[in-house]
């Protein structure tokens, strides 16, 4: 008979795999940004929230805080590098106030995590105390990472368009949340259950919105395409009339 610990380990490995998929899921979005050389209406908030979450879990997994947590460090360290690459693209292709806002938030996040690390390592003198303090913060920021797309969900409802809420990202969030919630429930772990359980609910909400507004999004895109095709034709006709008038004058 397979032991609960073995099942939990397998689910944890699968959870790491789905987390990596989640980190990589925005690649099509950033390929579009890179190709168009503009961030359009995409928001940097989900990626900044994910970066903060990854940095906190890397801190949690350090031997001085919570020994024997190499898997925590590796997956979140990988996520941290990926999110930094995304944010670098945002900074490259955004302008003005939007770029300054992203840069300020990035600096604030790094300063915050550095401050937490310094305080925890200097004031908490046991692994249990350090793990508890950083673990509570990880719950808070893990919840923030999953809740960050709420700003995008609000925009979807307002515009009746899912153009800027990629389905792949929502599905990856759902699968990742389910895996880690199951992992936490086998040997109940409140710190892991709370953010991932909420993550499942938020991801389901996004997918429901996608189903509701998919048709209206296609109509908006078709209307935009027709308008874009119509403008050059109008210019040609106007030029033609203008030319005829000029010829008549002469």
C-alpha atoms as a PDB file:
ATOM      1  CA  UNK A   1       0.000   0.000   0.000  1.00  0.00           C
ATOM      2  CA  UNK A   2       1.319   3.431  -0.937  1.00  0.00           C
ATOM      3  CA  UNK A   3       1.912   5.657   2.087  1.00  0.00           C
ATOM      4  CA  UNK A   4       0.401   9.173   2.382  1.00  0.00           C
ATOM      5  CA  UNK A   5       3.935  10.592   2.504  1.00  0.00           C
ATOM      6  CA  UNK A   6       4.787   9.000  -0.852  1.00  0.00           C
ATOM      7  CA  UNK A   7       1.564  10.330  -2.394  1.00  0.00           C
ATOM      8  CA  UNK A   8       2.288  13.765  -0.975  1.00  0.00           C
ATOM      9  CA  UNK A   9       5.799  13.694  -2.444  1.00  0.00           C
ATOM     10  CA  UNK A  10       4.482  12.751  -5.891  1.00  0.00           C
ATOM     11  CA  UNK A  11       1.859  15.513  -5.750  1.00  0.00           C
ATOM     12  CA  UNK A  12       4.568  17.945  -4.612  1.00  0.00           C
ATOM     13  CA  UNK A  13       6.704  17.063  -7.630  1.00  0.00           C
ATOM     14  CA  UNK A  14       3.687  17.493  -9.916  1.00  0.00           C
ATOM     15  CA  UNK A  15       2.987  20.792  -8.150  1.00  0.00           C
ATOM     16  CA  UNK A  16       6.508  21.951  -8.956  1.00  0.00           C
ATOM     17  CA  UNK A  17       5.940  21.023 -12.594  1.00  0.00           C
ATOM     18  CA  UNK A  18       2.646  22.893 -12.782  1.00  0.00           C
ATOM     19  CA  UNK A  19       4.231  25.873 -11.026  1.00  0.00           C
ATOM     20  CA  UNK A  20       6.889  25.971 -13.746  1.00  0.00           C
ATOM     21  CA  UNK A  21       4.161  25.838 -16.396  1.00  0.00           C
ATOM     22  CA  UNK A  22       2.428  28.707 -14.586  1.00  0.00           C
ATOM     23  CA  UNK A  23       5.624  30.758 -14.579  1.00  0.00           C
ATOM     24  CA  UNK A  24       6.101  30.122 -18.311  1.00  0.00           C
ATOM     25  CA  UNK A  25       2.445  30.533 -19.326  1.00  0.00           C
ATOM     26  CA  UNK A  26       2.727  34.295 -20.045  1.00  0.00           C
ATOM     27  CA  UNK A  27       5.415  33.683 -22.711  1.00  0.00           C
ATOM     28  CA  UNK A  28       2.906  34.179 -25.606  1.00  0.00           C
ATOM     29  CA  UNK A  29       1.823  37.468 -24.025  1.00  0.00           C
ATOM     30  CA  UNK A  30       5.393  38.725 -23.786  1.00  0.00           C
ATOM     31  CA  UNK A  31       6.182  37.503 -27.287  1.00  0.00           C
ATOM     32  CA  UNK A  32       3.304  39.716 -28.450  1.00  0.00           C
ATOM     33  CA  UNK A  33       4.674  42.645 -26.408  1.00  0.00           C
ATOM     34  CA  UNK A  34       8.152  42.112 -27.850  1.00  0.00           C
ATOM     35  CA  UNK A  35       6.802  41.824 -31.404  1.00  0.00           C
ATOM     36  CA  UNK A  36       4.607  44.956 -31.156  1.00  0.00           C
ATOM     37  CA  UNK A  37       7.162  46.894 -29.068  1.00  0.00           C
ATOM     38  CA  UNK A  38       4.405  48.058 -26.705  1.00  0.00           C
ATOM     39  CA  UNK A  39       2.722  46.703 -23.550  1.00  0.00           C
ATOM     40  CA  UNK A  40      -0.686  47.899 -24.830  1.00  0.00           C
ATOM     41  CA  UNK A  41      -3.179  47.467 -21.945  1.00  0.00           C
ATOM     42  CA  UNK A  42      -1.401  44.544 -20.275  1.00  0.00           C
ATOM     43  CA  UNK A  43      -0.840  45.008 -16.556  1.00  0.00           C
ATOM     44  CA  UNK A  44       2.478  44.375 -14.765  1.00  0.00           C
ATOM     45  CA  UNK A  45       0.700  43.820 -11.434  1.00  0.00           C
ATOM     46  CA  UNK A  46       0.346  39.997 -11.681  1.00  0.00           C
ATOM     47  CA  UNK A  47       4.046  39.612 -12.504  1.00  0.00           C
ATOM     48  CA  UNK A  48       5.191  41.955  -9.730  1.00  0.00           C
ATOM     49  CA  UNK A  49       2.969  40.058  -7.276  1.00  0.00           C
ATOM     50  CA  UNK A  50       4.382  36.715  -8.433  1.00  0.00           C
ATOM     51  CA  UNK A  51       7.945  38.044  -8.117  1.00  0.00           C
ATOM     52  CA  UNK A  52       7.307  39.150  -4.522  1.00  0.00           C
ATOM     53  CA  UNK A  53       5.768  35.763  -3.723  1.00  0.00           C
ATOM     54  CA  UNK A  54       8.775  33.919  -5.192  1.00  0.00           C
ATOM     55  CA  UNK A  55      11.279  36.066  -3.293  1.00  0.00           C
ATOM     56  CA  UNK A  56       9.451  35.403  -0.007  1.00  0.00           C
ATOM     57  CA  UNK A  57       9.384  31.624  -0.580  1.00  0.00           C
ATOM     58  CA  UNK A  58      13.090  31.634  -1.485  1.00  0.00           C
ATOM     59  CA  UNK A  59      13.709  33.393   1.836  1.00  0.00           C
ATOM     60  CA  UNK A  60      11.509  30.809   3.585  1.00  0.00           C
ATOM     61  CA  UNK A  61      13.491  27.940   2.047  1.00  0.00           C
ATOM     62  CA  UNK A  62      16.923  29.200   3.098  1.00  0.00           C
ATOM     63  CA  UNK A  63      18.747  26.831   5.496  1.00  0.00           C
ATOM     64  CA  UNK A  64      18.925  29.611   8.104  1.00  0.00           C
ATOM     65  CA  UNK A  65      15.131  29.959   8.042  1.00  0.00           C
ATOM     66  CA  UNK A  66      13.644  26.555   7.185  1.00  0.00           C
ATOM     67  CA  UNK A  67      16.232  23.789   6.647  1.00  0.00           C
ATOM     68  CA  UNK A  68      15.807  20.968   4.118  1.00  0.00           C
ATOM     69  CA  UNK A  69      13.653  22.992   1.723  1.00  0.00           C
ATOM     70  CA  UNK A  70      15.681  22.712  -1.469  1.00  0.00           C
ATOM     71  CA  UNK A  71      12.626  22.092  -3.669  1.00  0.00           C
ATOM     72  CA  UNK A  72      11.093  25.316  -2.358  1.00  0.00           C
ATOM     73  CA  UNK A  73      14.243  27.244  -3.240  1.00  0.00           C
ATOM     74  CA  UNK A  74      14.711  25.732  -6.697  1.00  0.00           C
ATOM     75  CA  UNK A  75      11.174  26.231  -8.041  1.00  0.00           C
ATOM     76  CA  UNK A  76      10.758  29.700  -6.547  1.00  0.00           C
ATOM     77  CA  UNK A  77      14.291  30.722  -7.525  1.00  0.00           C
ATOM     78  CA  UNK A  78      13.474  29.688 -11.086  1.00  0.00           C
ATOM     79  CA  UNK A  79      10.199  31.608 -10.916  1.00  0.00           C
ATOM     80  CA  UNK A  80      12.016  34.671  -9.617  1.00  0.00           C
ATOM     81  CA  UNK A  81      14.383  34.714 -12.624  1.00  0.00           C
ATOM     82  CA  UNK A  82      11.482  34.240 -15.065  1.00  0.00           C
ATOM     83  CA  UNK A  83       9.384  37.014 -13.510  1.00  0.00           C
ATOM     84  CA  UNK A  84      12.366  39.390 -13.562  1.00  0.00           C
ATOM     85  CA  UNK A  85      12.701  38.723 -17.307  1.00  0.00           C
ATOM     86  CA  UNK A  86       9.012  39.567 -17.812  1.00  0.00           C
ATOM     87  CA  UNK A  87       9.296  42.762 -15.779  1.00  0.00           C
ATOM     88  CA  UNK A  88      12.417  43.764 -17.730  1.00  0.00           C
ATOM     89  CA  UNK A  89      10.350  43.533 -20.926  1.00  0.00           C
ATOM     90  CA  UNK A  90       7.644  45.674 -19.331  1.00  0.00           C
ATOM     91  CA  UNK A  91      10.222  48.301 -18.428  1.00  0.00           C
ATOM     92  CA  UNK A  92      11.668  48.177 -21.940  1.00  0.00           C
ATOM     93  CA  UNK A  93       8.390  48.622 -23.807  1.00  0.00           C
ATOM     94  CA  UNK A  94       6.368  50.807 -21.426  1.00  0.00           C
ATOM     95  CA  UNK A  95       6.745  54.585 -21.273  1.00  0.00           C
ATOM     96  CA  UNK A  96       6.283  57.549 -18.969  1.00  0.00           C
ATOM     97  CA  UNK A  97       4.308  57.112 -15.747  1.00  0.00           C
ATOM     98  CA  UNK A  98       3.618  53.412 -16.400  1.00  0.00           C
ATOM     99  CA  UNK A  99       7.351  52.643 -16.574  1.00  0.00           C
ATOM    100  CA  UNK A 100       8.122  54.691 -13.461  1.00  0.00           C
ATOM    101  CA  UNK A 101       5.348  52.938 -11.527  1.00  0.00           C
ATOM    102  CA  UNK A 102       6.683  49.469 -12.399  1.00  0.00           C
ATOM    103  CA  UNK A 103      10.248  50.486 -11.529  1.00  0.00           C
ATOM    104  CA  UNK A 104       9.201  51.985  -8.167  1.00  0.00           C
ATOM    105  CA  UNK A 105       7.238  48.847  -7.249  1.00  0.00           C
ATOM    106  CA  UNK A 106      10.166  46.618  -8.237  1.00  0.00           C
ATOM    107  CA  UNK A 107      12.627  48.564  -6.068  1.00  0.00           C
ATOM    108  CA  UNK A 108      10.136  48.601  -3.182  1.00  0.00           C
ATOM    109  CA  UNK A 109       9.698  44.815  -3.359  1.00  0.00           C
ATOM    110  CA  UNK A 110      13.437  44.116  -3.306  1.00  0.00           C
ATOM    111  CA  UNK A 111      13.918  46.542  -0.399  1.00  0.00           C
ATOM    112  CA  UNK A 112      11.033  44.970   1.514  1.00  0.00           C
ATOM    113  CA  UNK A 113      12.304  41.394   1.176  1.00  0.00           C
ATOM    114  CA  UNK A 114      15.822  42.515   2.113  1.00  0.00           C
ATOM    115  CA  UNK A 115      14.436  44.268   5.199  1.00  0.00           C
ATOM    116  CA  UNK A 116      12.403  41.223   6.243  1.00  0.00           C
ATOM    117  CA  UNK A 117      15.445  38.972   5.831  1.00  0.00           C
ATOM    118  CA  UNK A 118      17.616  41.270   7.948  1.00  0.00           C
ATOM    119  CA  UNK A 119      15.022  41.572  10.730  1.00  0.00           C
ATOM    120  CA  UNK A 120      14.136  37.873  10.855  1.00  0.00           C
ATOM    121  CA  UNK A 121      17.746  36.675  10.873  1.00  0.00           C
ATOM    122  CA  UNK A 122      18.788  39.201  13.535  1.00  0.00           C
ATOM    123  CA  UNK A 123      15.742  39.127  15.862  1.00  0.00           C
ATOM    124  CA  UNK A 124      14.413  35.562  15.595  1.00  0.00           C
ATOM    125  CA  UNK A 125      16.961  33.091  16.912  1.00  0.00           C
ATOM    126  CA  UNK A 126      15.345  29.717  16.170  1.00  0.00           C
ATOM    127  CA  UNK A 127      14.275  28.004  12.978  1.00  0.00           C
ATOM    128  CA  UNK A 128      10.707  27.653  14.284  1.00  0.00           C
ATOM    129  CA  UNK A 129      10.319  31.382  14.917  1.00  0.00           C
ATOM    130  CA  UNK A 130      11.912  32.331  11.615  1.00  0.00           C
ATOM    131  CA  UNK A 131       9.756  29.819   9.734  1.00  0.00           C
ATOM    132  CA  UNK A 132       6.593  31.085  11.416  1.00  0.00           C
ATOM    133  CA  UNK A 133       7.221  34.769  10.652  1.00  0.00           C
ATOM    134  CA  UNK A 134       8.271  34.226   7.046  1.00  0.00           C
ATOM    135  CA  UNK A 135       5.585  31.554   6.565  1.00  0.00           C
ATOM    136  CA  UNK A 136       2.812  33.964   7.580  1.00  0.00           C
ATOM    137  CA  UNK A 137       4.159  36.568   5.148  1.00  0.00           C
ATOM    138  CA  UNK A 138       4.301  33.902   2.429  1.00  0.00           C
ATOM    139  CA  UNK A 139       0.610  33.167   3.005  1.00  0.00           C
ATOM    140  CA  UNK A 140      -0.221  36.859   2.670  1.00  0.00           C
ATOM    141  CA  UNK A 141       1.810  37.392  -0.496  1.00  0.00           C
ATOM    142  CA  UNK A 142       0.812  34.026  -1.961  1.00  0.00           C
ATOM    143  CA  UNK A 143      -2.791  35.145  -1.627  1.00  0.00           C
ATOM    144  CA  UNK A 144      -1.803  38.472  -3.194  1.00  0.00           C
ATOM    145  CA  UNK A 145      -0.221  36.678  -6.155  1.00  0.00           C
ATOM    146  CA  UNK A 146      -3.433  34.806  -6.895  1.00  0.00           C
ATOM    147  CA  UNK A 147      -5.607  37.863  -6.209  1.00  0.00           C
ATOM    148  CA  UNK A 148      -3.554  40.169  -8.451  1.00  0.00           C
ATOM    149  CA  UNK A 149      -5.488  39.141 -11.611  1.00  0.00           C
ATOM    150  CA  UNK A 150      -8.621  40.633  -9.981  1.00  0.00           C
ATOM    151  CA  UNK A 151      -7.561  43.963 -11.525  1.00  0.00           C
ATOM    152  CA  UNK A 152      -7.557  42.306 -14.944  1.00  0.00           C
ATOM    153  CA  UNK A 153     -10.914  40.629 -14.203  1.00  0.00           C
ATOM    154  CA  UNK A 154     -12.380  44.064 -13.418  1.00  0.00           C
ATOM    155  CA  UNK A 155     -11.143  45.361 -16.777  1.00  0.00           C
ATOM    156  CA  UNK A 156     -12.694  42.339 -18.525  1.00  0.00           C
ATOM    157  CA  UNK A 157     -16.098  43.120 -16.994  1.00  0.00           C
ATOM    158  CA  UNK A 158     -15.823  46.812 -17.862  1.00  0.00           C
ATOM    159  CA  UNK A 159     -14.696  46.291 -21.466  1.00  0.00           C
ATOM    160  CA  UNK A 160     -16.598  43.014 -22.080  1.00  0.00           C
ATOM    161  CA  UNK A 161     -13.367  41.719 -23.626  1.00  0.00           C
ATOM    162  CA  UNK A 162     -10.949  38.964 -22.548  1.00  0.00           C
ATOM    163  CA  UNK A 163      -8.268  40.099 -25.010  1.00  0.00           C
ATOM    164  CA  UNK A 164      -5.904  41.023 -22.185  1.00  0.00           C
ATOM    165  CA  UNK A 165      -6.682  38.042 -19.890  1.00  0.00           C
ATOM    166  CA  UNK A 166      -4.883  35.068 -21.482  1.00  0.00           C
ATOM    167  CA  UNK A 167      -6.804  31.796 -21.025  1.00  0.00           C
ATOM    168  CA  UNK A 168      -3.596  29.763 -20.746  1.00  0.00           C
ATOM    169  CA  UNK A 169      -2.545  31.741 -17.664  1.00  0.00           C
ATOM    170  CA  UNK A 170      -5.920  31.166 -16.000  1.00  0.00           C
ATOM    171  CA  UNK A 171      -5.846  27.414 -16.713  1.00  0.00           C
ATOM    172  CA  UNK A 172      -2.264  27.101 -15.449  1.00  0.00           C
ATOM    173  CA  UNK A 173      -3.261  28.923 -12.243  1.00  0.00           C
ATOM    174  CA  UNK A 174      -6.179  26.533 -11.743  1.00  0.00           C
ATOM    175  CA  UNK A 175      -4.080  23.370 -12.212  1.00  0.00           C
ATOM    176  CA  UNK A 176      -1.306  24.688  -9.972  1.00  0.00           C
ATOM    177  CA  UNK A 177      -3.763  25.658  -7.233  1.00  0.00           C
ATOM    178  CA  UNK A 178      -5.480  22.262  -7.301  1.00  0.00           C
ATOM    179  CA  UNK A 179      -2.160  20.381  -7.030  1.00  0.00           C
ATOM    180  CA  UNK A 180      -0.849  22.405  -4.096  1.00  0.00           C
ATOM    181  CA  UNK A 181      -4.196  22.386  -2.284  1.00  0.00           C
ATOM    182  CA  UNK A 182      -4.269  18.581  -2.548  1.00  0.00           C
ATOM    183  CA  UNK A 183      -0.640  18.471  -1.358  1.00  0.00           C
ATOM    184  CA  UNK A 184      -1.514  20.572   1.698  1.00  0.00           C
ATOM    185  CA  UNK A 185      -4.627  18.591   2.600  1.00  0.00           C
ATOM    186  CA  UNK A 186      -2.884  15.194   2.782  1.00  0.00           C
ATOM    187  CA  UNK A 187      -0.985  16.364   5.882  1.00  0.00           C
ATOM    188  CA  UNK A 188      -2.963  19.496   6.684  1.00  0.00           C
ATOM    189  CA  UNK A 189      -0.778  22.580   6.234  1.00  0.00           C
ATOM    190  CA  UNK A 190      -2.669  25.831   6.738  1.00  0.00           C
ATOM    191  CA  UNK A 191       0.081  28.011   5.246  1.00  0.00           C
ATOM    192  CA  UNK A 192      -0.108  26.188   1.906  1.00  0.00           C
ATOM    193  CA  UNK A 193      -3.866  25.555   1.925  1.00  0.00           C
ATOM    194  CA  UNK A 194      -5.036  29.170   2.264  1.00  0.00           C
ATOM    195  CA  UNK A 195      -3.289  30.827  -0.719  1.00  0.00           C
ATOM    196  CA  UNK A 196      -3.724  27.850  -3.038  1.00  0.00           C
ATOM    197  CA  UNK A 197      -7.379  27.300  -2.111  1.00  0.00           C
ATOM    198  CA  UNK A 198      -8.063  30.956  -2.889  1.00  0.00           C
ATOM    199  CA  UNK A 199      -6.037  30.563  -6.066  1.00  0.00           C
ATOM    200  CA  UNK A 200      -8.393  27.814  -7.240  1.00  0.00           C
ATOM    201  CA  UNK A 201     -11.417  30.083  -6.666  1.00  0.00           C
ATOM    202  CA  UNK A 202      -9.867  33.070  -8.461  1.00  0.00           C
ATOM    203  CA  UNK A 203      -8.802  30.899 -11.419  1.00  0.00           C
ATOM    204  CA  UNK A 204     -12.298  29.418 -11.728  1.00  0.00           C
ATOM    205  CA  UNK A 205     -13.668  32.977 -11.713  1.00  0.00           C
ATOM    206  CA  UNK A 206     -11.346  33.961 -14.557  1.00  0.00           C
ATOM    207  CA  UNK A 207     -12.347  30.948 -16.651  1.00  0.00           C
ATOM    208  CA  UNK A 208     -16.050  31.724 -16.099  1.00  0.00           C
ATOM    209  CA  UNK A 209     -15.434  35.314 -17.276  1.00  0.00           C
ATOM    210  CA  UNK A 210     -13.609  33.973 -20.316  1.00  0.00           C
ATOM    211  CA  UNK A 211     -16.627  31.811 -21.203  1.00  0.00           C
ATOM    212  CA  UNK A 212     -19.023  34.739 -20.702  1.00  0.00           C
ATOM    213  CA  UNK A 213     -17.088  37.339 -22.709  1.00  0.00           C
ATOM    214  CA  UNK A 214     -15.375  35.204 -25.371  1.00  0.00           C
ATOM    215  CA  UNK A 215     -18.101  35.882 -27.972  1.00  0.00           C
ATOM    216  CA  UNK A 216     -18.190  39.641 -27.343  1.00  0.00           C
ATOM    217  CA  UNK A 217     -14.375  39.721 -27.555  1.00  0.00           C
ATOM    218  CA  UNK A 218     -14.491  38.168 -31.025  1.00  0.00           C
ATOM    219  CA  UNK A 219     -17.085  40.745 -32.092  1.00  0.00           C
ATOM    220  CA  UNK A 220     -14.906  43.598 -30.789  1.00  0.00           C
ATOM    221  CA  UNK A 221     -11.838  42.236 -32.606  1.00  0.00           C
ATOM    222  CA  UNK A 222     -13.782  41.798 -35.858  1.00  0.00           C
ATOM    223  CA  UNK A 223     -15.143  45.347 -35.604  1.00  0.00           C
ATOM    224  CA  UNK A 224     -11.634  46.672 -34.996  1.00  0.00           C
ATOM    225  CA  UNK A 225     -10.306  44.761 -37.999  1.00  0.00           C
ATOM    226  CA  UNK A 226     -13.104  46.066 -40.263  1.00  0.00           C
ATOM    227  CA  UNK A 227     -12.411  49.614 -39.103  1.00  0.00           C
ATOM    228  CA  UNK A 228      -8.671  49.215 -39.754  1.00  0.00           C
ATOM    229  CA  UNK A 229      -9.385  47.861 -43.259  1.00  0.00           C
ATOM    230  CA  UNK A 230     -11.878  50.645 -43.996  1.00  0.00           C
ATOM    231  CA  UNK A 231      -9.569  53.583 -43.188  1.00  0.00           C
ATOM    232  CA  UNK A 232      -7.040  53.072 -46.013  1.00  0.00           C
ATOM    233  CA  UNK A 233      -9.893  52.618 -48.542  1.00  0.00           C
ATOM    234  CA  UNK A 234     -11.468  55.875 -47.382  1.00  0.00           C
ATOM    235  CA  UNK A 235      -8.163  57.664 -47.810  1.00  0.00           C
ATOM    236  CA  UNK A 236      -7.852  56.360 -51.378  1.00  0.00           C
ATOM    237  CA  UNK A 237     -11.358  57.569 -52.295  1.00  0.00           C
ATOM    238  CA  UNK A 238     -10.743  60.984 -50.758  1.00  0.00           C
ATOM    239  CA  UNK A 239      -7.454  61.262 -52.610  1.00  0.00           C
ATOM    240  CA  UNK A 240      -9.221  60.239 -55.813  1.00  0.00           C
ATOM    241  CA  UNK A 241     -11.880  62.926 -55.399  1.00  0.00           C
ATOM    242  CA  UNK A 242      -9.264  65.467 -54.542  1.00  0.00           C
ATOM    243  CA  UNK A 243      -7.312  64.534 -57.653  1.00  0.00           C
ATOM    244  CA  UNK A 244     -10.407  64.810 -59.872  1.00  0.00           C
ATOM    245  CA  UNK A 245     -11.191  68.250 -58.483  1.00  0.00           C
ATOM    246  CA  UNK A 246      -7.644  69.360 -59.140  1.00  0.00           C
ATOM    247  CA  UNK A 247      -7.779  68.011 -62.681  1.00  0.00           C
ATOM    248  CA  UNK A 248     -11.082  69.785 -63.249  1.00  0.00           C
ATOM    249  CA  UNK A 249      -9.572  73.023 -62.077  1.00  0.00           C
ATOM    250  CA  UNK A 250      -6.777  72.750 -64.510  1.00  0.00           C
END
